[in-house]
Amino acid sequence: MHESLPISDEQKRVSRGSLSTLQEYLSTGCSAAFSDWAITRAELFEVFLYGRYAHNNPDKVHKVKRLIGSGLSVIYQSDFEDIVLTYIEYSLWYKAFNERIIQSLK
């Protein structure tokens, strides 16, 4: 996003690095896994969001039922809440970062 802006290379590096850190976190596995399904944090977020909380995607609903029925629902719910908090932290950090960039462009 910041690559085309007239900002310092350091600011671009920080922007890329923060996004890379978030993507690395989301690509890691959850606290528990099935023998045939090593669910990542990104996938868990989508499954809970689109299968339980926001929308009714049949494929995601099926996966939520599997997660909840596994007896590990507390672990998966805790992981989901951690992911949501991470997104919030990232969004707040990025907002402040963008505000500093905007000020530097004035």
C-alpha atoms as a PDB file:
ATOM      1  CA  MET A   1       0.000   0.000   0.000  1.00  0.00           C
ATOM      2  CA  HIS A   2       2.748   2.438   0.868  1.00  0.00           C
ATOM      3  CA  GLU A   3       5.137   1.389  -1.898  1.00  0.00           C
ATOM      4  CA  SER A   4       3.914   4.017  -4.365  1.00  0.00           C
ATOM      5  CA  LEU A   5       3.894   6.898  -1.866  1.00  0.00           C
ATOM      6  CA  PRO A   6       6.705   9.434  -1.695  1.00  0.00           C
ATOM      7  CA  ILE A   7       7.825   8.292   1.758  1.00  0.00           C
ATOM      8  CA  SER A   8      11.148   7.119   3.092  1.00  0.00           C
ATOM      9  CA  ASP A   9      12.483   3.645   2.432  1.00  0.00           C
ATOM     10  CA  GLU A  10      12.413   3.082   6.187  1.00  0.00           C
ATOM     11  CA  GLN A  11       8.676   3.839   6.340  1.00  0.00           C
ATOM     12  CA  LYS A  12       8.071   1.441   3.445  1.00  0.00           C
ATOM     13  CA  ARG A  13      10.157  -1.225   5.185  1.00  0.00           C
ATOM     14  CA  VAL A  14       8.172  -0.801   8.415  1.00  0.00           C
ATOM     15  CA  SER A  15       4.887  -1.066   6.501  1.00  0.00           C
ATOM     16  CA  ARG A  16       5.990  -4.243   4.700  1.00  0.00           C
ATOM     17  CA  GLY A  17       7.374  -5.716   7.896  1.00  0.00           C
ATOM     18  CA  SER A  18       4.207  -5.161   9.892  1.00  0.00           C
ATOM     19  CA  LEU A  19       2.059  -6.784   7.225  1.00  0.00           C
ATOM     20  CA  SER A  20       4.509  -9.666   6.944  1.00  0.00           C
ATOM     21  CA  THR A  21       4.395 -10.196  10.710  1.00  0.00           C
ATOM     22  CA  LEU A  22       0.587 -10.328  10.648  1.00  0.00           C
ATOM     23  CA  GLN A  23       0.586 -12.764   7.737  1.00  0.00           C
ATOM     24  CA  GLU A  24       3.133 -15.003   9.478  1.00  0.00           C
ATOM     25  CA  TYR A  25       1.003 -15.048  12.632  1.00  0.00           C
ATOM     26  CA  LEU A  26      -2.138 -15.935  10.658  1.00  0.00           C
ATOM     27  CA  SER A  27      -0.352 -18.740   8.807  1.00  0.00           C
ATOM     28  CA  THR A  28       0.644 -20.524  12.006  1.00  0.00           C
ATOM     29  CA  GLY A  29      -1.373 -23.367  13.435  1.00  0.00           C
ATOM     30  CA  CYS A  30      -3.901 -23.109  16.217  1.00  0.00           C
ATOM     31  CA  SER A  31      -3.390 -24.466  19.717  1.00  0.00           C
ATOM     32  CA  ALA A  32      -5.047 -27.765  18.757  1.00  0.00           C
ATOM     33  CA  ALA A  33      -5.320 -29.675  15.504  1.00  0.00           C
ATOM     34  CA  PHE A  34      -6.989 -32.730  14.045  1.00  0.00           C
ATOM     35  CA  SER A  35      -4.932 -35.527  12.539  1.00  0.00           C
ATOM     36  CA  ASP A  36      -6.407 -34.682   9.120  1.00  0.00           C
ATOM     37  CA  TRP A  37      -6.783 -30.904   9.545  1.00  0.00           C
ATOM     38  CA  ALA A  38      -3.988 -28.637  10.735  1.00  0.00           C
ATOM     39  CA  ILE A  39      -6.088 -25.502  10.935  1.00  0.00           C
ATOM     40  CA  THR A  40      -4.270 -22.182  10.671  1.00  0.00           C
ATOM     41  CA  ARG A  41      -5.271 -19.048  12.521  1.00  0.00           C
ATOM     42  CA  ALA A  42      -6.426 -17.473   9.250  1.00  0.00           C
ATOM     43  CA  GLU A  43      -8.675 -20.430   8.514  1.00  0.00           C
ATOM     44  CA  LEU A  44     -10.030 -20.541  12.072  1.00  0.00           C
ATOM     45  CA  PHE A  45     -10.927 -16.858  11.828  1.00  0.00           C
ATOM     46  CA  GLU A  46     -12.811 -17.418   8.567  1.00  0.00           C
ATOM     47  CA  VAL A  47     -14.551 -20.547   9.863  1.00  0.00           C
ATOM     48  CA  PHE A  48     -15.818 -18.860  13.013  1.00  0.00           C
ATOM     49  CA  LEU A  49     -16.660 -15.586  11.290  1.00  0.00           C
ATOM     50  CA  TYR A  50     -18.508 -17.045   8.299  1.00  0.00           C
ATOM     51  CA  GLY A  51     -19.795 -20.192   9.963  1.00  0.00           C
ATOM     52  CA  ARG A  52     -20.879 -18.915  13.339  1.00  0.00           C
ATOM     53  CA  TYR A  53     -20.923 -15.152  13.826  1.00  0.00           C
ATOM     54  CA  ALA A  54     -21.409 -13.093  10.672  1.00  0.00           C
ATOM     55  CA  HIS A  55     -22.707 -15.157   7.753  1.00  0.00           C
ATOM     56  CA  ASN A  56     -24.113 -18.582   7.143  1.00  0.00           C
ATOM     57  CA  ASN A  57     -21.713 -20.250   4.755  1.00  0.00           C
ATOM     58  CA  PRO A  58     -22.684 -23.964   4.727  1.00  0.00           C
ATOM     59  CA  ASP A  59     -19.099 -25.180   4.325  1.00  0.00           C
ATOM     60  CA  LYS A  60     -17.959 -23.026   7.231  1.00  0.00           C
ATOM     61  CA  VAL A  61     -20.949 -24.074   9.382  1.00  0.00           C
ATOM     62  CA  HIS A  62     -19.937 -27.711   8.847  1.00  0.00           C
ATOM     63  CA  LYS A  63     -16.394 -26.931   9.967  1.00  0.00           C
ATOM     64  CA  VAL A  64     -17.599 -24.998  13.030  1.00  0.00           C
ATOM     65  CA  LYS A  65     -19.712 -27.978  14.052  1.00  0.00           C
ATOM     66  CA  ARG A  66     -16.662 -30.210  13.729  1.00  0.00           C
ATOM     67  CA  LEU A  67     -14.575 -27.838  15.858  1.00  0.00           C
ATOM     68  CA  ILE A  68     -17.239 -27.492  18.542  1.00  0.00           C
ATOM     69  CA  GLY A  69     -18.028 -31.197  18.574  1.00  0.00           C
ATOM     70  CA  SER A  70     -14.380 -32.092  19.044  1.00  0.00           C
ATOM     71  CA  GLY A  71     -14.396 -31.331  22.748  1.00  0.00           C
ATOM     72  CA  LEU A  72     -11.810 -28.624  22.146  1.00  0.00           C
ATOM     73  CA  SER A  73     -14.263 -25.796  21.569  1.00  0.00           C
ATOM     74  CA  VAL A  74     -12.885 -23.735  24.478  1.00  0.00           C
ATOM     75  CA  ILE A  75      -9.408 -23.863  22.950  1.00  0.00           C
ATOM     76  CA  TYR A  76     -10.642 -22.886  19.498  1.00  0.00           C
ATOM     77  CA  GLN A  77     -12.815 -20.101  20.919  1.00  0.00           C
ATOM     78  CA  SER A  78      -9.813 -18.779  22.844  1.00  0.00           C
ATOM     79  CA  ASP A  79      -7.686 -18.899  19.681  1.00  0.00           C
ATOM     80  CA  PHE A  80     -10.421 -17.044  17.774  1.00  0.00           C
ATOM     81  CA  GLU A  81     -10.570 -14.317  20.416  1.00  0.00           C
ATOM     82  CA  ASP A  82      -6.778 -13.985  20.293  1.00  0.00           C
ATOM     83  CA  ILE A  83      -6.957 -13.574  16.505  1.00  0.00           C
ATOM     84  CA  VAL A  84      -9.655 -10.894  16.806  1.00  0.00           C
ATOM     85  CA  LEU A  85      -7.540  -9.005  19.349  1.00  0.00           C
ATOM     86  CA  THR A  86      -4.517  -9.275  17.059  1.00  0.00           C
ATOM     87  CA  TYR A  87      -6.528  -7.781  14.175  1.00  0.00           C
ATOM     88  CA  ILE A  88      -7.675  -4.950  16.445  1.00  0.00           C
ATOM     89  CA  GLU A  89      -4.130  -4.260  17.656  1.00  0.00           C
ATOM     90  CA  TYR A  90      -2.834  -4.311  14.090  1.00  0.00           C
ATOM     91  CA  SER A  91      -5.604  -1.983  12.899  1.00  0.00           C
ATOM     92  CA  LEU A  92      -4.933   0.518  15.677  1.00  0.00           C
ATOM     93  CA  TRP A  93      -1.184   0.409  15.054  1.00  0.00           C
ATOM     94  CA  TYR A  94      -1.706   0.836  11.302  1.00  0.00           C
ATOM     95  CA  LYS A  95      -4.067   3.761  11.850  1.00  0.00           C
ATOM     96  CA  ALA A  96      -1.436   5.570  13.929  1.00  0.00           C
ATOM     97  CA  PHE A  97       1.267   4.686  11.395  1.00  0.00           C
ATOM     98  CA  ASN A  98      -0.842   6.093   8.549  1.00  0.00           C
ATOM     99  CA  GLU A  99      -1.534   9.265  10.525  1.00  0.00           C
ATOM    100  CA  ARG A 100       2.224   9.787  10.960  1.00  0.00           C
ATOM    101  CA  ILE A 101       2.770   9.230   7.242  1.00  0.00           C
ATOM    102  CA  ILE A 102       0.025  11.700   6.343  1.00  0.00           C
ATOM    103  CA  GLN A 103       1.631  14.288   8.621  1.00  0.00           C
ATOM    104  CA  SER A 104       5.022  13.703   7.001  1.00  0.00           C
ATOM    105  CA  LEU A 105       3.526  14.244   3.532  1.00  0.00           C
ATOM    106  CA  LYS A 106       2.094  17.672   4.414  1.00  0.00           C
END
